[in-house]
Amino acid sequence: MYVHTMPYGEDKIKNMTYDEWKVKTIKREGWSPSLLSEVFAVLDKGVQLNIEIKERGLENQVLTVIPPSLKQNIIISSFEGSVIEKVKALDADVRTALIVGQSLFTGNNKTFSYWHDYFPENRLKKAKADIVCPHFRIGNKLFVQRMHRKGYEVYVWTVNHPEKIKKIAKTGADGIFTDNIKTAVEQRK
């Protein structure tokens, strides 16, 4: 089970063994990817971990490697409502999150897609998601308030810039996803 995925030219990670991917990543980027089981081994019980499932069919495989002692600290997220729905069918106690905001980057009818993302209530209900994760351009104060009224926690993605972190904090969001942990922690002070 891989923690991070990215394409390597024509080679896709899904077509590589872990050892092949590890060698290419070390050579190309200078870091070594961890197995999900290795991440769990060092995860502090007070830290929440978001596991994003990017493809259908991996739900059971991901669920089986989560240690029971860390289950309450795990959020399984996906852009795919069917992935969230399947995770909930396999284990109703796992916290799940539907990620919205893909319309900002793809789609022929961006206006319709944007409103589909900005008003995800039907998708959240169908998937039985506990949390909604909007892109930071969608996760404004009105969005956060509306989702809270509907009973959903809101975690905004991917917020890396210090000013954006401050701005999202003012919306009342429950949390952020970031690649810049040090800056995010400094902004909480």
Protein backbone atom coordinates (compact mmCIF):
# COMPACT_ATOMS: atom_id res chain seq x y z
CA MET A 1 0.00 0.00 0.00
CA TYR A 2 1.58 3.28 -1.10
CA VAL A 3 1.32 6.58 0.73
CA HIS A 4 1.94 8.97 -2.19
CA THR A 5 1.36 8.57 -5.91
CA MET A 6 2.64 10.49 -8.89
CA PRO A 7 3.18 9.69 -12.58
CA TYR A 8 6.67 9.08 -13.96
CA GLY A 9 6.39 9.87 -17.65
CA GLU A 10 4.72 6.98 -19.41
CA ASP A 11 5.25 4.77 -16.36
CA LYS A 12 2.47 5.03 -13.82
CA ILE A 13 2.94 3.99 -10.24
CA LYS A 14 0.06 1.54 -10.52
CA ASN A 15 2.20 -0.36 -13.04
CA MET A 16 5.28 -0.50 -10.79
CA THR A 17 6.23 -2.63 -7.84
CA TYR A 18 6.95 -0.75 -4.63
CA ASP A 19 10.68 -1.45 -5.01
CA GLU A 20 10.71 -0.04 -8.57
CA TRP A 21 8.87 3.08 -7.44
CA LYS A 22 11.16 3.50 -4.44
CA VAL A 23 14.33 3.32 -6.58
CA LYS A 24 12.93 5.80 -9.15
CA THR A 25 11.77 8.21 -6.44
CA ILE A 26 15.11 8.17 -4.61
CA LYS A 27 17.00 8.66 -7.88
CA ARG A 28 14.69 11.36 -9.28
CA GLU A 29 13.57 13.23 -6.16
CA GLY A 30 15.95 12.28 -3.37
CA TRP A 31 13.42 10.90 -0.90
CA SER A 32 12.16 7.44 -0.09
CA PRO A 33 8.39 6.74 -0.16
CA SER A 34 6.96 5.00 2.88
CA LEU A 35 4.54 2.14 3.01
CA LEU A 36 1.29 2.93 4.77
CA SER A 37 2.18 0.41 7.48
CA GLU A 38 5.43 2.35 8.11
CA VAL A 39 3.48 5.59 8.52
CA PHE A 40 1.20 3.96 11.09
CA ALA A 41 4.23 2.75 13.04
CA VAL A 42 5.41 6.32 13.68
CA LEU A 43 2.02 8.05 13.87
CA ASP A 44 1.34 9.72 17.18
CA LYS A 45 -2.06 8.68 18.54
CA GLY A 46 -3.05 12.35 18.85
CA VAL A 47 -2.45 13.13 15.17
CA GLN A 48 -5.13 12.75 12.52
CA LEU A 49 -4.13 11.19 9.23
CA ASN A 50 -5.96 11.69 5.97
CA ILE A 51 -5.70 8.77 3.55
CA GLU A 52 -6.90 9.79 0.12
CA ILE A 53 -8.04 6.92 -2.09
CA LYS A 54 -7.60 8.00 -5.68
CA GLU A 55 -8.93 4.89 -7.44
CA ARG A 56 -11.91 2.60 -6.96
CA GLY A 57 -11.20 -0.92 -5.77
CA LEU A 58 -8.62 -0.14 -3.05
CA GLU A 59 -11.11 0.42 -0.23
CA ASN A 60 -10.86 -2.99 1.46
CA GLN A 61 -7.09 -3.13 1.05
CA VAL A 62 -6.71 0.23 2.81
CA LEU A 63 -9.13 -0.65 5.60
CA THR A 64 -7.38 -3.92 6.42
CA VAL A 65 -4.03 -2.23 7.17
CA ILE A 66 -5.40 0.38 9.59
CA PRO A 67 -4.46 -0.59 13.15
CA PRO A 68 -7.57 -0.68 15.39
CA SER A 69 -5.82 1.57 17.93
CA LEU A 70 -5.47 4.34 15.30
CA LYS A 71 -8.84 3.98 13.60
CA GLN A 72 -10.36 6.99 15.40
CA ASN A 73 -7.50 9.17 14.06
CA ILE A 74 -7.97 8.21 10.41
CA ILE A 75 -9.99 10.02 7.78
CA ILE A 76 -10.44 8.27 4.45
CA SER A 77 -11.12 10.75 1.69
CA SER A 78 -11.78 10.68 -2.02
CA PHE A 79 -13.14 12.76 -4.88
CA GLU A 80 -15.13 9.64 -5.76
CA GLY A 81 -18.43 9.39 -3.88
CA SER A 82 -18.60 5.68 -4.72
CA VAL A 83 -15.27 5.11 -2.89
CA ILE A 84 -16.61 6.79 0.25
CA GLU A 85 -19.87 4.84 -0.04
CA LYS A 86 -17.95 1.54 -0.28
CA VAL A 87 -15.71 2.40 2.70
CA LYS A 88 -18.82 3.12 4.79
CA ALA A 89 -20.41 -0.15 3.65
CA LEU A 90 -17.28 -2.05 4.72
CA ASP A 91 -16.85 -0.20 8.03
CA ALA A 92 -19.47 2.34 9.11
CA ASP A 93 -17.27 3.55 11.97
CA VAL A 94 -14.45 4.88 9.78
CA ARG A 95 -14.62 8.64 9.31
CA THR A 96 -14.89 9.54 5.65
CA ALA A 97 -14.57 12.73 3.65
CA LEU A 98 -15.79 13.69 0.21
CA ILE A 99 -13.32 16.01 -1.52
CA VAL A 100 -14.89 18.72 -3.68
CA GLY A 101 -13.41 21.36 -5.93
CA GLN A 102 -12.12 19.36 -8.85
CA SER A 103 -14.30 21.54 -11.07
CA LEU A 104 -11.79 24.34 -10.60
CA PHE A 105 -9.31 22.37 -12.70
CA THR A 106 -11.30 20.16 -15.09
CA GLY A 107 -14.60 19.83 -16.88
CA ASN A 108 -16.19 21.14 -20.03
CA ASN A 109 -19.06 22.87 -18.27
CA LYS A 110 -17.13 24.60 -15.50
CA THR A 111 -20.10 26.68 -14.30
CA PHE A 112 -22.30 23.63 -13.69
CA SER A 113 -19.40 21.67 -12.21
CA TYR A 114 -18.49 24.53 -9.89
CA TRP A 115 -22.02 24.71 -8.47
CA HIS A 116 -22.02 20.92 -8.18
CA ASP A 117 -18.94 21.27 -5.96
CA TYR A 118 -20.15 24.35 -4.08
CA PHE A 119 -23.44 22.59 -3.19
CA PRO A 120 -22.33 18.98 -2.48
CA GLU A 121 -25.11 18.11 -0.03
CA ASN A 122 -26.75 15.40 -2.17
CA ARG A 123 -23.39 13.77 -2.94
CA LEU A 124 -22.40 13.86 0.75
CA LYS A 125 -25.68 12.27 1.80
CA LYS A 126 -25.53 9.53 -0.86
CA ALA A 127 -21.92 8.65 0.05
CA LYS A 128 -22.70 8.79 3.79
CA ALA A 129 -19.65 11.02 4.25
CA ASP A 130 -18.89 12.56 7.65
CA ILE A 131 -16.71 15.39 6.38
CA VAL A 132 -16.52 17.62 3.33
CA CYS A 133 -13.16 18.79 2.00
CA PRO A 134 -13.50 21.79 -0.31
CA HIS A 135 -10.65 23.37 -2.24
CA PHE A 136 -9.63 26.62 -0.53
CA ARG A 137 -11.26 28.69 -3.30
CA ILE A 138 -14.62 27.06 -2.48
CA GLY A 139 -14.20 26.82 1.30
CA ASN A 140 -15.33 30.33 2.16
CA LYS A 141 -17.17 31.37 5.33
CA LEU A 142 -20.65 30.89 3.82
CA PHE A 143 -19.74 27.40 2.58
CA VAL A 144 -18.35 26.42 6.00
CA GLN A 145 -21.38 27.76 7.85
CA ARG A 146 -23.80 25.95 5.51
CA MET A 147 -21.94 22.65 5.90
CA HIS A 148 -21.82 23.02 9.69
CA ARG A 149 -25.60 23.61 9.75
CA LYS A 150 -25.99 20.36 7.79
CA GLY A 151 -23.83 18.53 10.37
CA TYR A 152 -20.61 18.13 8.37
CA GLU A 153 -17.10 18.90 9.51
CA VAL A 154 -15.10 20.94 7.00
CA TYR A 155 -11.41 20.39 6.19
CA VAL A 156 -10.10 22.68 3.46
CA TRP A 157 -7.43 21.54 0.97
CA THR A 158 -4.53 22.26 0.09
CA VAL A 159 -3.68 25.38 2.06
CA ASN A 160 0.05 26.10 2.07
CA HIS A 161 0.54 29.87 2.06
CA PRO A 162 0.58 31.60 5.50
CA GLU A 163 -1.97 34.26 4.47
CA LYS A 164 -4.35 31.64 3.08
CA ILE A 165 -3.99 29.60 6.28
CA LYS A 166 -4.99 32.68 8.29
CA LYS A 167 -7.89 33.41 5.94
CA ILE A 168 -9.24 29.83 6.14
CA ALA A 169 -8.91 29.88 9.94
CA LYS A 170 -11.30 32.85 9.99
CA THR A 171 -13.97 30.88 8.10
CA GLY A 172 -14.54 28.53 11.04
CA ALA A 173 -13.30 25.46 9.13
CA ASP A 174 -12.51 22.49 11.35
CA GLY A 175 -9.09 21.99 9.79
CA ILE A 176 -6.91 22.19 6.73
CA PHE A 177 -4.87 19.84 4.61
CA THR A 178 -1.43 21.26 3.97
CA ASP A 179 1.97 20.36 2.60
CA ASN A 180 3.50 23.04 4.81
CA ILE A 181 3.07 21.66 8.34
CA LYS A 182 5.62 23.97 9.98
CA THR A 183 3.87 27.11 8.68
CA ALA A 184 0.43 25.77 9.61
CA VAL A 185 1.55 25.07 13.17
CA GLU A 186 3.10 28.54 13.43
CA GLN A 187 -0.18 30.11 12.26
CA ARG A 188 -2.09 28.36 15.07
CA LYS A 189 -0.08 30.22 17.71
